[in-house]
Protein backbone atom coordinates (compact mmCIF):
# COMPACT_ATOMS: atom_id res chain seq x y z
CA MET A 1 -37.73 11.37 32.05
CA ARG A 2 -37.39 14.79 33.69
CA TYR A 3 -34.28 15.94 35.54
CA GLY A 4 -35.71 18.47 37.98
CA ASN A 5 -32.54 18.91 40.04
CA ILE A 6 -30.22 19.90 37.17
CA PRO A 7 -29.38 23.64 37.23
CA SER A 8 -29.17 25.85 34.17
CA PRO A 9 -26.67 24.56 31.57
CA HIS A 10 -25.28 28.11 31.28
CA ALA A 11 -24.57 28.17 35.03
CA LEU A 12 -22.90 24.73 34.91
CA ILE A 13 -20.69 25.73 31.98
CA ALA A 14 -19.65 28.97 33.70
CA PHE A 15 -18.97 27.07 36.92
CA GLU A 16 -16.86 24.39 35.14
CA ALA A 17 -14.78 27.02 33.34
CA ALA A 18 -14.20 29.03 36.54
CA ALA A 19 -13.19 25.92 38.47
CA ARG A 20 -10.82 24.72 35.75
CA CYS A 21 -9.28 28.16 35.22
CA GLY A 22 -9.20 29.08 38.90
CA SER A 23 -10.47 32.53 38.01
CA PHE A 24 -13.74 34.20 37.02
CA THR A 25 -11.81 36.55 34.75
CA ARG A 26 -10.00 33.80 32.81
CA ALA A 27 -13.23 31.79 32.58
CA ALA A 28 -14.98 34.83 31.08
CA GLN A 29 -12.19 35.24 28.52
CA GLU A 30 -12.44 31.58 27.53
CA LEU A 31 -16.23 31.72 27.20
CA GLY A 32 -16.22 35.04 25.38
CA ILE A 33 -18.47 36.78 27.92
CA GLY A 34 -17.97 39.40 30.63
CA GLN A 35 -16.58 38.60 34.06
CA PRO A 36 -19.77 39.85 35.80
CA ALA A 37 -21.79 37.30 33.79
CA VAL A 38 -19.64 34.43 35.06
CA SER A 39 -19.86 35.73 38.63
CA HIS A 40 -23.66 36.04 38.32
CA GLN A 41 -24.06 32.49 36.99
CA VAL A 42 -21.94 31.07 39.83
CA THR A 43 -23.88 33.07 42.42
CA VAL A 44 -27.19 31.80 41.07
CA LEU A 45 -25.85 28.24 41.22
CA GLU A 46 -24.67 28.68 44.81
CA GLU A 47 -28.08 30.05 45.79
CA GLN A 48 -29.80 27.03 44.20
CA LEU A 49 -27.55 24.66 46.15
CA ASN A 50 -27.73 26.80 49.30
CA GLN A 51 -23.99 26.63 49.93
CA PRO A 52 -20.78 28.18 48.55
CA LEU A 53 -18.91 26.45 45.72
CA PHE A 54 -15.86 28.72 45.72
CA ARG A 55 -13.67 30.45 48.24
CA ARG A 56 -12.96 33.95 46.90
CA LEU A 57 -9.23 34.58 47.16
CA HIS A 58 -7.16 37.71 46.64
CA ARG A 59 -6.23 36.38 43.22
CA GLY A 60 -8.67 33.93 41.74
CA VAL A 61 -10.94 31.38 43.39
CA ALA A 62 -10.62 27.89 44.93
CA LEU A 63 -13.21 25.13 45.15
CA THR A 64 -14.92 24.26 48.42
CA GLY A 65 -15.66 20.62 49.24
CA ALA A 66 -19.12 20.88 47.66
CA GLY A 67 -17.61 22.71 44.68
CA GLN A 68 -15.07 19.94 44.10
CA GLU A 69 -17.81 17.31 44.24
CA LEU A 70 -19.91 19.19 41.71
CA TYR A 71 -16.90 19.92 39.48
CA ASP A 72 -15.96 16.22 39.26
CA SER A 73 -19.48 15.37 38.12
CA VAL A 74 -19.90 18.31 35.70
CA SER A 75 -16.49 17.94 34.05
CA ALA A 76 -17.03 14.21 33.51
CA ALA A 77 -20.48 14.80 32.02
CA LEU A 78 -19.33 17.61 29.73
CA GLY A 79 -16.33 15.56 28.63
CA HIS A 80 -18.57 12.61 27.78
CA ILE A 81 -20.94 14.85 25.83
CA ASP A 82 -18.04 16.43 23.95
CA GLN A 83 -16.60 13.03 22.99
CA THR A 84 -20.00 11.72 21.91
CA VAL A 85 -20.61 14.75 19.71
CA GLU A 86 -17.16 14.35 18.14
CA ASN A 87 -17.75 10.65 17.50
CA ILE A 88 -21.08 11.34 15.83
CA ARG A 89 -19.68 14.23 13.81
CA THR A 90 -16.72 12.28 12.44
CA ARG A 91 -18.56 8.98 12.01
CA ARG A 92 -21.66 10.04 10.16
CA GLY A 93 -20.94 10.71 6.54
CA SER A 94 -17.20 10.18 7.04
CA ARG A 95 -15.31 9.58 3.82
CA ILE A 96 -11.86 8.31 2.98
CA SER A 97 -10.22 8.59 -0.42
CA VAL A 98 -8.24 5.59 -1.63
CA GLY A 99 -5.80 6.16 -4.48
CA THR A 100 -4.49 3.24 -6.53
CA ASP A 101 -3.87 2.07 -10.08
CA PHE A 102 -6.45 0.75 -12.55
CA ALA A 103 -5.57 -2.93 -12.07
CA PHE A 104 -5.75 -3.01 -8.25
CA ALA A 105 -9.01 -1.04 -8.29
CA SER A 106 -10.56 -3.34 -10.91
CA PHE A 107 -9.42 -6.73 -9.65
CA ILE A 108 -9.16 -6.30 -5.87
CA LEU A 109 -11.18 -3.32 -4.63
CA MET A 110 -14.28 -3.45 -6.80
CA PRO A 111 -15.14 -7.15 -6.26
CA HIS A 112 -14.91 -6.68 -2.48
CA LEU A 113 -16.02 -3.10 -1.85
CA ALA A 114 -19.63 -4.09 -1.11
CA ASP A 115 -18.31 -6.22 1.77
CA PHE A 116 -16.55 -3.18 3.27
CA THR A 117 -19.75 -1.13 2.98
CA THR A 118 -21.70 -3.86 4.75
CA ARG A 119 -19.21 -4.00 7.60
CA PHE A 120 -18.67 -0.25 7.89
CA PRO A 121 -21.84 1.46 6.66
CA ASP A 122 -20.79 4.82 8.13
CA ILE A 123 -17.57 5.02 6.11
CA GLU A 124 -17.79 6.16 2.50
CA VAL A 125 -14.94 5.15 0.20
CA ASN A 126 -13.93 7.36 -2.69
CA VAL A 127 -11.74 5.34 -5.09
CA VAL A 128 -9.36 7.45 -7.21
CA THR A 129 -7.24 5.83 -9.93
CA ASN A 130 -4.45 6.71 -12.29
CA GLN A 131 -1.96 4.74 -14.36
CA THR A 132 0.81 4.66 -11.74
CA GLY A 133 -1.15 4.43 -8.50
CA ARG A 134 1.02 7.20 -7.05
CA PHE A 135 -0.41 10.56 -6.05
CA GLY A 136 2.55 12.68 -4.97
CA MET A 137 1.53 15.46 -2.60
CA ASP A 138 -2.21 15.21 -3.25
CA GLU A 139 -3.67 16.02 0.16
CA ASN A 140 -7.09 14.62 -0.81
CA ILE A 141 -5.79 11.04 -0.76
CA ASP A 142 -6.07 9.32 2.65
CA ILE A 143 -4.71 5.93 1.58
CA GLU A 144 -2.34 5.17 -1.28
CA LEU A 145 -2.17 1.63 -2.65
CA SER A 146 0.77 1.68 -5.02
CA PHE A 147 3.12 -0.91 -6.50
CA GLY A 148 6.77 -0.88 -5.49
CA HIS A 149 9.08 -1.56 -2.58
CA CYS A 150 7.68 -1.22 0.94
CA GLY A 151 9.24 1.77 2.70
CA PRO A 152 9.01 2.97 6.33
CA GLY A 153 5.40 3.26 7.50
CA GLY A 154 4.05 1.19 4.63
CA ILE A 155 2.17 -2.11 4.80
CA LEU A 156 2.99 -4.74 2.16
CA LEU A 157 -0.43 -6.09 1.18
CA LEU A 158 0.49 -8.17 -1.86
CA ALA A 159 3.96 -9.45 -2.70
CA GLU A 160 4.71 -9.68 -6.40
CA GLN A 161 4.10 -13.21 -7.68
CA VAL A 162 4.02 -13.64 -11.44
CA ALA A 163 3.33 -16.58 -13.75
CA PRO A 164 2.68 -16.72 -17.50
CA VAL A 165 -1.05 -17.12 -18.23
CA CYS A 166 -3.20 -17.49 -21.31
CA SER A 167 -6.72 -18.42 -22.35
CA PRO A 168 -7.75 -22.10 -22.55
CA ALA A 169 -8.22 -21.71 -26.30
CA PHE A 170 -4.68 -20.39 -26.70
CA LEU A 171 -3.34 -23.27 -24.59
CA ALA A 172 -5.17 -25.79 -26.76
CA ARG A 173 -3.59 -24.29 -29.87
CA TYR A 174 -0.01 -23.72 -28.70
CA GLY A 175 0.41 -26.25 -25.92
CA PHE A 176 1.88 -25.94 -22.44
CA ALA A 177 5.36 -24.36 -22.39
CA GLN A 178 7.50 -26.52 -20.17
CA THR A 179 10.52 -24.21 -20.47
CA PRO A 180 11.17 -20.47 -20.81
CA ASP A 181 12.65 -21.12 -24.24
CA ALA A 182 9.36 -22.60 -25.38
CA LEU A 183 7.56 -19.48 -24.10
CA CYS A 184 9.78 -17.27 -26.25
CA LYS A 185 8.46 -19.01 -29.36
CA MET A 186 4.88 -18.02 -28.51
CA PRO A 187 3.17 -14.64 -29.02
CA LEU A 188 3.86 -12.63 -25.87
CA LEU A 189 1.79 -9.72 -24.55
CA HIS A 190 3.89 -6.84 -23.20
CA LEU A 191 3.03 -4.13 -20.65
CA ASP A 192 4.98 -0.94 -21.26
CA SER A 193 5.85 1.16 -18.21
CA GLU A 194 7.24 4.66 -17.89
CA ILE A 195 9.15 3.54 -14.78
CA LYS A 196 11.94 1.09 -15.63
CA ASN A 197 12.10 -2.11 -13.56
CA ARG A 198 9.09 -1.11 -11.50
CA TRP A 199 7.64 -4.60 -11.92
CA PHE A 200 8.42 -7.72 -13.90
CA ASN A 201 8.37 -7.40 -17.67
CA TRP A 202 9.06 -10.28 -20.03
CA GLU A 203 12.78 -9.51 -20.23
CA SER A 204 13.30 -9.32 -16.44
CA TRP A 205 11.01 -12.29 -15.75
CA LEU A 206 12.88 -14.50 -18.24
CA HIS A 207 16.21 -13.33 -16.79
CA ALA A 208 15.02 -14.23 -13.27
CA ALA A 209 13.97 -17.62 -14.64
CA GLY A 210 17.54 -18.13 -15.84
CA HIS A 211 16.90 -17.68 -19.55
CA THR A 212 18.31 -15.17 -22.02
CA PRO A 213 16.32 -15.03 -25.29
CA ALA A 214 18.42 -15.63 -28.40
CA THR A 215 16.42 -13.07 -30.36
CA PRO A 216 14.42 -9.95 -29.42
CA LEU A 217 10.98 -10.72 -28.03
CA SER A 218 8.02 -9.98 -30.26
CA GLY A 219 4.34 -9.54 -29.56
CA HIS A 220 1.71 -6.87 -28.97
CA ARG A 221 2.44 -4.02 -26.56
CA PHE A 222 -0.04 -2.16 -24.35
CA ASN A 223 0.21 0.76 -21.93
CA THR A 224 -2.27 -0.58 -19.33
CA TYR A 225 -2.58 -3.98 -17.70
CA LEU A 226 -6.30 -4.01 -18.40
CA LEU A 227 -5.52 -4.10 -22.13
CA VAL A 228 -2.93 -6.84 -21.62
CA LEU A 229 -5.54 -8.88 -19.77
CA SER A 230 -8.16 -8.26 -22.44
CA ALA A 231 -5.75 -9.51 -25.12
CA ALA A 232 -4.92 -12.63 -23.07
CA LEU A 233 -8.59 -13.43 -22.49
CA SER A 234 -9.28 -13.16 -26.20
CA GLY A 235 -6.51 -15.64 -27.00
CA GLN A 236 -4.00 -13.25 -28.55
CA GLY A 237 -0.99 -14.40 -26.56
CA VAL A 238 0.66 -15.15 -23.22
CA ALA A 239 0.61 -12.48 -20.52
CA LEU A 240 2.56 -12.16 -17.32
CA GLY A 241 -0.09 -12.80 -14.68
CA TRP A 242 0.13 -11.15 -11.27
CA THR A 243 -1.61 -14.07 -9.59
CA ALA A 244 -3.07 -12.09 -6.68
CA LEU A 245 -4.80 -9.73 -9.11
CA LEU A 246 -6.12 -12.52 -11.32
CA GLN A 247 -7.62 -14.84 -8.67
CA GLN A 248 -11.12 -14.64 -10.13
CA HIS A 249 -9.94 -15.31 -13.68
CA LEU A 250 -7.81 -18.26 -12.58
CA GLN A 251 -10.47 -19.78 -10.35
CA SER A 252 -13.13 -19.48 -13.07
CA GLY A 253 -10.83 -20.98 -15.70
CA GLN A 254 -10.91 -17.91 -17.95
CA LEU A 255 -7.12 -17.91 -17.65
CA VAL A 256 -4.82 -20.90 -17.16
CA PRO A 257 -1.07 -21.27 -16.54
CA ALA A 258 0.96 -21.33 -19.74
CA CYS A 259 4.19 -22.44 -18.02
CA PRO A 260 5.04 -24.22 -14.73
CA ILE A 261 7.23 -21.38 -13.44
CA THR A 262 6.00 -18.78 -10.91
CA LEU A 263 8.45 -16.11 -9.74
CA SER A 264 8.34 -13.68 -6.81
CA SER A 265 10.12 -10.48 -5.87
CA GLU A 266 10.42 -8.14 -2.88
CA ARG A 267 8.08 -5.65 -4.56
CA GLY A 268 4.32 -5.58 -4.28
CA TYR A 269 1.28 -3.48 -3.50
CA VAL A 270 1.99 -1.25 -0.51
CA LEU A 271 -0.61 0.53 1.62
CA THR A 272 0.49 3.92 2.90
CA SER A 273 -1.65 6.10 5.17
CA ARG A 274 -1.66 9.79 4.26
CA SER A 275 -4.74 10.86 6.23
CA ALA A 276 -5.36 13.56 8.80
CA PRO A 277 -5.40 12.29 12.42
CA ARG A 278 -9.15 12.81 12.72
CA ARG A 279 -9.75 10.15 10.05
CA GLN A 280 -7.21 7.68 11.41
CA SER A 281 -9.85 5.30 12.80
CA GLN A 282 -11.49 5.03 9.37
CA VAL A 283 -8.11 4.48 7.71
CA THR A 284 -7.22 1.78 10.24
CA ALA A 285 -10.55 0.04 9.61
CA PHE A 286 -9.92 0.04 5.86
CA ALA A 287 -6.31 -1.17 6.21
CA ASN A 288 -7.34 -4.07 8.47
CA TRP A 289 -10.16 -4.99 6.10
CA ALA A 290 -7.85 -4.90 3.06
CA ARG A 291 -5.35 -7.21 4.72
CA GLU A 292 -8.13 -9.60 5.68
CA ILE A 293 -9.72 -9.92 2.25
CA ILE A 294 -6.35 -10.20 0.51
CA ALA A 295 -5.21 -12.91 2.94
CA TYR A 296 -8.45 -14.79 2.28
CA ASP A 297 -8.07 -14.54 -1.49
CA ASN A 298 -4.50 -15.79 -1.35
CA MET A 299 -5.53 -18.92 0.55
CA LYS A 300 -7.11 -20.12 -2.70
CA PRO A 301 -4.82 -22.43 -4.70
CA PHE A 302 -3.24 -21.18 -7.88
CA GLY A 303 -4.43 -23.08 -10.93
CA THR A 304 -2.42 -25.87 -12.53
CA ALA A 305 -2.02 -26.88 -16.12
CA PRO A 306 -4.74 -29.17 -17.48
CA GLU A 307 -3.62 -32.79 -17.58
CA ASP A 308 -4.69 -33.12 -21.19
CA SER A 309 -2.93 -29.95 -22.35
CA ALA A 310 -1.01 -30.37 -25.58
CA PRO A 311 2.80 -30.75 -25.41
CA ASP A 312 5.20 -27.99 -26.31
CA ASN A 313 4.92 -27.05 -29.95
CA PRO A 314 7.88 -24.81 -30.79
CA ASP A 315 7.04 -24.90 -34.50
CA VAL A 316 3.75 -23.00 -34.08
CA ALA A 317 4.21 -19.49 -35.43
C-alpha cells in the first residue's frame, strides 16, 4: 500500500517540534539543527497543503485551525511509533537475572523453567546462585529469591514448613519415629549455616516440637542442603525436609516421612524485585508465574507414613 498524501517525514517532525515548543528556535535546538532549516521544512509543508499551519507571532508561533488538526494526528502517530519501537526494543532479547540459593534453584526453578520459557519466549532468565541466596548490592540481579523473614516490598512465596524425612530403606530399617525422642535415637543429618537461626536446624526444630534432647545430637554434618539431601536419599539418616522444596522426592516416594510432626514458621522464601524500571514488566511476569507454579505444587498432598512401616525401634544404633 502506498501513502501518496503523506508529506516528508523530516517536515512532519520539524512541524511537530515547532508546534509542541511554540517556537521555531526552540524546535531547532531540540532537533539539533538550525532555525532556518525548521522554518524551511514548515514552509514546504504549508505549500504542500496550500494553507498556513502557524500564525507567526512577535515571540514564537501559534497553530492555526488546520495546524491544530494536523498536529493532533502527527503527535498521536509519532507517539504510537515511539511506544512500539520501545516495546520491541525492550521485549526482544530481554533478560532478567534471578539470584537464589542452590536448593531453590535446583528443586523449584529448574523443574519449571521450561514452562516459563514456553509462556514468555521473549524473556531470557539468567539464574545466579550462591550458598546464601543473598546478593547484597549486586546491581546485576533483578530478582532475589532468598530465605528469611518477609520485609517491606517483598513477596512471601514459600512459608517454611519442615518435617523429618528419610529414604524408604532407612524407614524399613529403623522404623517410624512416633515421637521426637525416638528421632533423637536415630542418625540425624545436619545442615550447618553461617547465619544462626536463619532456618530450622535439628536443635530448634526439636525445641519447637516441645522436646529437649537429653544428650548432644550426633550425625553427619554438611554445609549445603544438596549434600544433606544426597545423604538422606542414600539412606544415611534422617534429614529435616523443607516440604515445598522436596515435592518431587515425596511424590515419587524417594523420600518418606520419618515422623508424624510437621512444623511451620514465619520465615520462608521471599521474592524481592531489584530491577530497573524498564524491566519491571518482565519482573512482574516472572513474579506472577513463580507464585502460580508454587501454589500449584503446594496443592499436592504431603506424603504419609506407610501403613506397614515398622514400629519405633529405639535400640537400633
